[in-house]
Amino acid sequence: MHRRIQPDAVFEPVKGLYSQVIAVADGARYEVAGTLPYHPDGGLDQGLAAQAAVMMDNLGKSLTSVGAQPSDVVRIRVYTTRMDEFLRSALDIVFGWFGDTRPTSTLVEVSRLANAKVLVEMDASAVVAPTATAS
């Protein structure tokens, strides 16, 4: 069993086509898909570094919506249409966002994303440890 979540603070470019976050089974594991660099109003910055920063902000909003944080992320997959530029200008933005946490990762260059103006997209998996209850 799983639960579908669409955080209010994250722009939904294609209404109802996919779920932004899925809570899996007991709610301890979350799959975050289609994390895009759109601002809440649907605006899109130009430039890969700017888009990467907004994308990471959106990942943070998705995680917060389910009570997760960057240290709970165990895996990311990043897709970019400009690998060389990503390595120069966005690598530190994306991986620096996690601080000392180092999720497993895959970085792939693709010829195009769903919107040709989008230069970077990611998905993530997070696992939240159950909170201890006082006896």
Protein backbone atom coordinates (compact mmCIF):
# COMPACT_ATOMS: atom_id res chain seq x y z
CA MET A 1 0.00 0.00 0.00
CA HIS A 2 1.18 3.51 -0.71
CA ARG A 3 -0.05 7.08 -0.40
CA ARG A 4 0.25 9.79 -3.08
CA ILE A 5 1.28 13.30 -2.03
CA GLN A 6 1.38 16.55 -4.00
CA PRO A 7 3.01 19.26 -1.82
CA ASP A 8 1.19 22.59 -2.07
CA ALA A 9 4.49 24.51 -2.22
CA VAL A 10 5.73 22.71 -5.37
CA PHE A 11 4.49 23.70 -8.83
CA GLU A 12 2.73 20.83 -10.62
CA PRO A 13 3.47 21.28 -14.35
CA VAL A 14 1.23 18.44 -15.51
CA LYS A 15 -1.85 18.32 -13.29
CA GLY A 16 -2.70 14.80 -12.14
CA LEU A 17 -0.36 12.94 -14.49
CA TYR A 18 2.03 11.76 -11.79
CA SER A 19 2.54 11.97 -8.03
CA GLN A 20 5.30 14.23 -6.71
CA VAL A 21 5.87 12.07 -3.62
CA ILE A 22 4.84 8.52 -2.82
CA ALA A 23 4.83 7.27 0.77
CA VAL A 24 5.59 3.56 0.56
CA ALA A 25 4.08 0.93 2.87
CA ASP A 26 4.39 2.13 6.45
CA GLY A 27 5.35 5.67 5.45
CA ALA A 28 9.02 5.24 6.31
CA ARG A 29 10.17 5.28 2.66
CA TYR A 30 9.39 8.06 0.21
CA GLU A 31 9.90 8.23 -3.53
CA VAL A 32 10.16 11.79 -4.89
CA ALA A 33 9.85 12.06 -8.66
CA GLY A 34 9.91 14.75 -11.27
CA THR A 35 11.67 17.34 -9.13
CA LEU A 36 11.89 20.20 -11.56
CA PRO A 37 13.30 23.74 -11.37
CA TYR A 38 9.95 25.55 -11.55
CA HIS A 39 9.13 28.30 -9.08
CA PRO A 40 5.78 27.91 -7.25
CA ASP A 41 4.12 30.23 -9.80
CA GLY A 42 5.40 28.12 -12.72
CA GLY A 43 8.25 30.47 -13.58
CA LEU A 44 11.48 28.99 -14.88
CA ASP A 45 14.92 30.62 -14.56
CA GLN A 46 17.40 30.57 -17.40
CA GLY A 47 20.79 28.98 -16.77
CA LEU A 48 21.69 25.63 -15.34
CA ALA A 49 23.04 26.84 -11.98
CA ALA A 50 19.89 28.86 -11.29
CA GLN A 51 17.67 25.94 -12.27
CA ALA A 52 19.68 23.54 -10.08
CA ALA A 53 19.22 25.82 -7.06
CA VAL A 54 15.44 25.99 -7.55
CA MET A 55 15.29 22.23 -8.11
CA MET A 56 17.04 21.60 -4.80
CA ASP A 57 14.69 24.04 -3.06
CA ASN A 58 11.77 22.06 -4.51
CA LEU A 59 13.27 18.79 -3.31
CA GLY A 60 13.46 20.34 0.15
CA LYS A 61 9.78 21.32 -0.03
CA SER A 62 8.80 17.80 -1.07
CA LEU A 63 10.82 16.26 1.76
CA THR A 64 9.43 18.71 4.32
CA SER A 65 5.89 17.84 3.24
CA VAL A 66 6.42 14.31 4.57
CA GLY A 67 8.59 15.14 7.57
CA ALA A 68 11.87 14.19 5.89
CA GLN A 69 15.11 16.13 5.54
CA PRO A 70 18.24 16.00 3.35
CA SER A 71 19.96 13.48 5.62
CA ASP A 72 17.08 11.03 4.99
CA VAL A 73 17.80 10.89 1.24
CA VAL A 74 19.48 7.62 0.31
CA ARG A 75 19.47 7.88 -3.49
CA ILE A 76 19.24 10.56 -6.17
CA ARG A 77 19.10 10.44 -9.94
CA VAL A 78 19.96 13.63 -11.80
CA TYR A 79 19.21 14.19 -15.48
CA THR A 80 20.71 17.12 -17.36
CA THR A 81 20.80 18.24 -20.96
CA ARG A 82 24.21 19.90 -20.44
CA MET A 83 26.67 17.61 -18.66
CA ASP A 84 29.80 19.74 -19.02
CA GLU A 85 28.00 22.84 -17.76
CA PHE A 86 26.46 20.82 -14.92
CA LEU A 87 29.89 19.62 -13.82
CA ARG A 88 31.21 23.21 -13.89
CA SER A 89 28.32 25.16 -12.40
CA ALA A 90 25.74 22.91 -10.72
CA LEU A 91 27.58 19.94 -9.22
CA ASP A 92 28.40 21.81 -6.01
CA ILE A 93 24.86 23.21 -5.81
CA VAL A 94 23.25 19.78 -5.98
CA PHE A 95 25.69 17.75 -3.89
CA GLY A 96 26.50 20.61 -1.52
CA TRP A 97 22.81 20.78 -0.60
CA PHE A 98 23.17 17.47 1.23
CA GLY A 99 25.99 18.68 3.50
CA ASP A 100 27.81 15.72 5.02
CA THR A 101 25.14 13.30 3.81
CA ARG A 102 26.21 11.45 0.70
CA PRO A 103 23.30 9.68 -0.97
CA THR A 104 24.03 7.20 -3.72
CA SER A 105 23.67 8.98 -7.03
CA THR A 106 23.38 8.64 -10.75
CA LEU A 107 24.10 11.55 -13.09
CA VAL A 108 22.96 11.19 -16.69
CA GLU A 109 23.05 13.48 -19.71
CA VAL A 110 19.89 13.29 -21.79
CA SER A 111 19.11 14.90 -25.12
CA ARG A 112 15.96 16.56 -23.83
CA LEU A 113 13.60 16.71 -20.85
CA ALA A 114 9.79 17.02 -21.09
CA ASN A 115 10.04 20.82 -21.39
CA ALA A 116 12.92 21.78 -23.70
CA LYS A 117 13.65 24.84 -21.51
CA VAL A 118 14.29 22.64 -18.45
CA LEU A 119 18.00 21.86 -18.15
CA VAL A 120 17.97 19.62 -15.08
CA GLU A 121 15.60 17.26 -13.26
CA MET A 122 16.01 14.80 -10.42
CA ASP A 123 14.25 12.14 -8.44
CA ALA A 124 15.10 10.89 -4.98
CA SER A 125 14.45 8.14 -2.48
CA ALA A 126 14.31 8.92 1.23
CA VAL A 127 14.04 6.67 4.26
CA VAL A 128 12.89 8.20 7.53
CA ALA A 129 13.78 6.38 10.71
CA PRO A 130 10.82 5.80 13.00
CA THR A 131 10.71 8.20 15.92
CA ALA A 132 11.22 6.70 19.35
CA THR A 133 8.31 6.97 21.72
CA ALA A 134 8.76 7.64 25.38
CA SER A 135 7.86 4.80 27.72
